[in-house]
C-alpha atoms as a PDB file:
ATOM      1  CA  GLN A   1       6.320 -15.868  17.126  1.00  0.00           C
ATOM      2  CA  VAL A   2       6.286 -13.076  14.260  1.00  0.00           C
ATOM      3  CA  GLN A   3       9.060 -13.703  11.973  1.00  0.00           C
ATOM      4  CA  VAL A   4      10.068 -11.152   9.171  1.00  0.00           C
ATOM      5  CA  ALA A   5      12.234 -12.086   6.558  1.00  0.00           C
ATOM      6  CA  GLU A   6      14.613 -10.262   4.065  1.00  0.00           C
ATOM      7  CA  SER A   7      16.316 -11.271   0.845  1.00  0.00           C
ATOM      8  CA  GLY A   8      17.675  -9.987  -2.476  1.00  0.00           C
ATOM      9  CA  GLY A   9      20.933  -7.892  -0.938  1.00  0.00           C
ATOM     10  CA  GLY A  10      23.921  -7.994  -2.519  1.00  0.00           C
ATOM     11  CA  LEU A  11      26.873  -6.392  -4.351  1.00  0.00           C
ATOM     12  CA  VAL A  12      25.870  -3.784  -7.577  1.00  0.00           C
ATOM     13  CA  GLN A  13      27.342  -1.047  -9.732  1.00  0.00           C
ATOM     14  CA  THR A  14      25.999   2.452  -9.575  1.00  0.00           C
ATOM     15  CA  GLY A  15      23.090   2.686 -11.820  1.00  0.00           C
ATOM     16  CA  GLY A  16      22.327  -0.861 -10.873  1.00  0.00           C
ATOM     17  CA  SER A  17      19.093  -2.356  -9.686  1.00  0.00           C
ATOM     18  CA  LEU A  18      18.056  -4.527  -6.699  1.00  0.00           C
ATOM     19  CA  THR A  19      15.016  -6.188  -5.910  1.00  0.00           C
ATOM     20  CA  LEU A  20      14.336  -6.906  -2.293  1.00  0.00           C
ATOM     21  CA  SER A  21      11.652  -9.092  -0.971  1.00  0.00           C
ATOM     22  CA  CYS A  22      10.247  -9.352   2.754  1.00  0.00           C
ATOM     23  CA  THR A  23       7.832 -12.069   4.129  1.00  0.00           C
ATOM     24  CA  ALA A  24       6.142 -12.200   7.602  1.00  0.00           C
ATOM     25  CA  SER A  25       4.450 -14.818   9.258  1.00  0.00           C
ATOM     26  CA  ILE A  26       1.572 -12.810  10.098  1.00  0.00           C
ATOM     27  CA  SER A  27      -1.595 -13.822  10.093  1.00  0.00           C
ATOM     28  CA  VAL A  28      -3.596 -10.451   9.223  1.00  0.00           C
ATOM     29  CA  PHE A  29      -1.057  -9.471   6.976  1.00  0.00           C
ATOM     30  CA  ASN A  30      -3.045  -7.033   5.009  1.00  0.00           C
ATOM     31  CA  ARG A  31      -3.888  -5.058   8.501  1.00  0.00           C
ATOM     32  CA  TYR A  32      -0.158  -4.248   9.156  1.00  0.00           C
ATOM     33  CA  SER A  33       2.243  -1.691   7.515  1.00  0.00           C
ATOM     34  CA  MET A  34       4.785  -2.976   5.597  1.00  0.00           C
ATOM     35  CA  GLY A  35       8.131  -1.170   5.591  1.00  0.00           C
ATOM     36  CA  TRP A  36      11.877  -0.383   4.476  1.00  0.00           C
ATOM     37  CA  TYR A  37      14.236   1.026   6.416  1.00  0.00           C
ATOM     38  CA  ARG A  38      17.969   1.341   5.692  1.00  0.00           C
ATOM     39  CA  GLN A  39      21.071   2.028   8.206  1.00  0.00           C
ATOM     40  CA  ALA A  40      24.229   3.420   6.778  1.00  0.00           C
ATOM     41  CA  PRO A  41      27.805   2.868   8.612  1.00  0.00           C
ATOM     42  CA  GLY A  42      28.068   5.491  11.374  1.00  0.00           C
ATOM     43  CA  LYS A  43      24.145   7.109  10.331  1.00  0.00           C
ATOM     44  CA  GLU A  44      20.636   6.548  12.170  1.00  0.00           C
ATOM     45  CA  ARG A  45      18.536   4.273  10.583  1.00  0.00           C
ATOM     46  CA  GLU A  46      15.950   5.706   8.155  1.00  0.00           C
ATOM     47  CA  LEU A  47      12.704   5.184   6.302  1.00  0.00           C
ATOM     48  CA  VAL A  48      12.912   4.151   2.885  1.00  0.00           C
ATOM     49  CA  ALA A  49       9.468   3.436   2.137  1.00  0.00           C
ATOM     50  CA  GLN A  50       6.210   2.652   3.591  1.00  0.00           C
ATOM     51  CA  MET A  51       2.949   1.487   2.664  1.00  0.00           C
ATOM     52  CA  TRP A  52      -0.460   0.156   4.000  1.00  0.00           C
ATOM     53  CA  SER A  53      -2.512  -2.332   2.043  1.00  0.00           C
ATOM     54  CA  TYR A  54      -4.454   0.440   0.627  1.00  0.00           C
ATOM     55  CA  GLY A  55      -3.115   3.499  -0.956  1.00  0.00           C
ATOM     56  CA  SER A  56      -0.058   4.507  -2.403  1.00  0.00           C
ATOM     57  CA  PRO A  57       3.581   4.192  -0.987  1.00  0.00           C
ATOM     58  CA  ASN A  58       5.426   6.624   1.110  1.00  0.00           C
ATOM     59  CA  TYR A  59       8.989   7.182  -0.048  1.00  0.00           C
ATOM     60  CA  ALA A  60      12.320   9.220   1.759  1.00  0.00           C
ATOM     61  CA  ASP A  61      13.112  12.422  -0.687  1.00  0.00           C
ATOM     62  CA  SER A  62      16.159  10.397  -1.652  1.00  0.00           C
ATOM     63  CA  VAL A  63      14.642   7.309  -3.469  1.00  0.00           C
ATOM     64  CA  LYS A  64      11.531   9.464  -5.345  1.00  0.00           C
ATOM     65  CA  GLY A  65      11.445   7.899  -9.106  1.00  0.00           C
ATOM     66  CA  ARG A  66      14.075   5.300  -8.494  1.00  0.00           C
ATOM     67  CA  PHE A  67      12.500   2.983  -5.797  1.00  0.00           C
ATOM     68  CA  THR A  68       8.917   1.305  -6.424  1.00  0.00           C
ATOM     69  CA  LEU A  69       7.817  -0.636  -3.142  1.00  0.00           C
ATOM     70  CA  SER A  70       5.129  -2.993  -3.455  1.00  0.00           C
ATOM     71  CA  ARG A  71       3.106  -5.508  -1.126  1.00  0.00           C
ATOM     72  CA  ASP A  72       1.344  -8.870  -2.292  1.00  0.00           C
ATOM     73  CA  ASN A  73      -1.085  -9.632   0.497  1.00  0.00           C
ATOM     74  CA  ALA A  74      -1.588 -13.079  -0.805  1.00  0.00           C
ATOM     75  CA  LYS A  75       1.406 -14.157  -0.161  1.00  0.00           C
ATOM     76  CA  LYS A  76       2.556 -11.897   2.467  1.00  0.00           C
ATOM     77  CA  MET A  77       4.905 -10.065   1.131  1.00  0.00           C
ATOM     78  CA  ALA A  78       6.922  -6.913   0.162  1.00  0.00           C
ATOM     79  CA  THR A  79       8.942  -5.872  -2.679  1.00  0.00           C
ATOM     80  CA  LEU A  80      11.219  -3.200  -3.057  1.00  0.00           C
ATOM     81  CA  GLN A  81      13.011  -2.679  -6.547  1.00  0.00           C
ATOM     82  CA  MET A  82      15.504  -0.525  -6.407  1.00  0.00           C
ATOM     83  CA  ASN A  83      16.642   1.078  -9.515  1.00  0.00           C
ATOM     84  CA  SER A  84      19.242   3.503 -10.561  1.00  0.00           C
ATOM     85  CA  LEU A  85      21.378   3.305  -7.426  1.00  0.00           C
ATOM     86  CA  ARG A  86      23.887   5.323  -6.558  1.00  0.00           C
ATOM     87  CA  THR A  87      26.364   4.659  -3.730  1.00  0.00           C
ATOM     88  CA  ASP A  88      24.746   6.338  -0.753  1.00  0.00           C
ATOM     89  CA  GLY A  89      22.402   3.774  -0.965  1.00  0.00           C
ATOM     90  CA  THR A  90      25.058   1.655   0.448  1.00  0.00           C
ATOM     91  CA  ALA A  91      23.530   0.262   3.832  1.00  0.00           C
ATOM     92  CA  VAL A  92      22.242  -2.645   5.477  1.00  0.00           C
ATOM     93  CA  TYR A  93      18.434  -2.519   4.504  1.00  0.00           C
ATOM     94  CA  TYR A  94      15.491  -3.556   7.316  1.00  0.00           C
ATOM     95  CA  CYS A  95      11.977  -4.472   6.560  1.00  0.00           C
ATOM     96  CA  ASN A  96       9.629  -3.552   9.234  1.00  0.00           C
ATOM     97  CA  VAL A  97       6.129  -4.947   9.764  1.00  0.00           C
ATOM     98  CA  GLY A  98       3.922  -2.642  11.854  1.00  0.00           C
ATOM     99  CA  PHE A  99       0.306  -2.050  13.289  1.00  0.00           C
ATOM    100  CA  LEU A 100      -0.842  -0.020  16.632  1.00  0.00           C
ATOM    101  CA  GLY A 101       2.311  -0.797  18.567  1.00  0.00           C
ATOM    102  CA  GLU A 102       3.476  -3.933  17.158  1.00  0.00           C
ATOM    103  CA  ASP A 103       6.549  -3.457  15.644  1.00  0.00           C
ATOM    104  CA  TYR A 104       8.681  -6.407  13.577  1.00  0.00           C
ATOM    105  CA  TRP A 105      12.016  -6.507  12.010  1.00  0.00           C
ATOM    106  CA  GLY A 106      13.694  -8.512  10.278  1.00  0.00           C
ATOM    107  CA  GLN A 107      17.759  -8.915  10.385  1.00  0.00           C
ATOM    108  CA  GLY A 108      18.569  -6.884   7.468  1.00  0.00           C
ATOM    109  CA  THR A 109      20.438  -7.608   4.033  1.00  0.00           C
ATOM    110  CA  GLN A 110      23.230  -5.688   3.500  1.00  0.00           C
ATOM    111  CA  VAL A 111      23.235  -3.445  -0.125  1.00  0.00           C
ATOM    112  CA  THR A 112      26.479  -2.323  -1.755  1.00  0.00           C
ATOM    113  CA  VAL A 113      26.962   0.265  -4.725  1.00  0.00           C
ATOM    114  CA  SER A 114      29.967   0.517  -5.614  1.00  0.00           C
ATOM    115  CA  ALA A 115      31.363   3.455  -7.667  1.00  0.00           C
END
């Protein structure tokens, strides 16, 4: 059974930084897309950033220039560096691992940005 685990959430002030990490127990990790989504209270889940093993990450317009997604295939890990956080970044952040209809989610990690 594939397991996806997130870590690194927490409370930070506006303008601060947090790093989220995601690991996945998948044998052919480099085949899969890695992505981060978030869901704020009362809102739908939205894509934050996503990338394949090769090529550049895709970012939501709201986080471009502030967030950086990277992955380490050897460690089966993806990292989301979040800088210049704003209060609209308060949400539960979920890691997603996907490939050709296979879709795996972590349980989520809370990020709270205070004013």
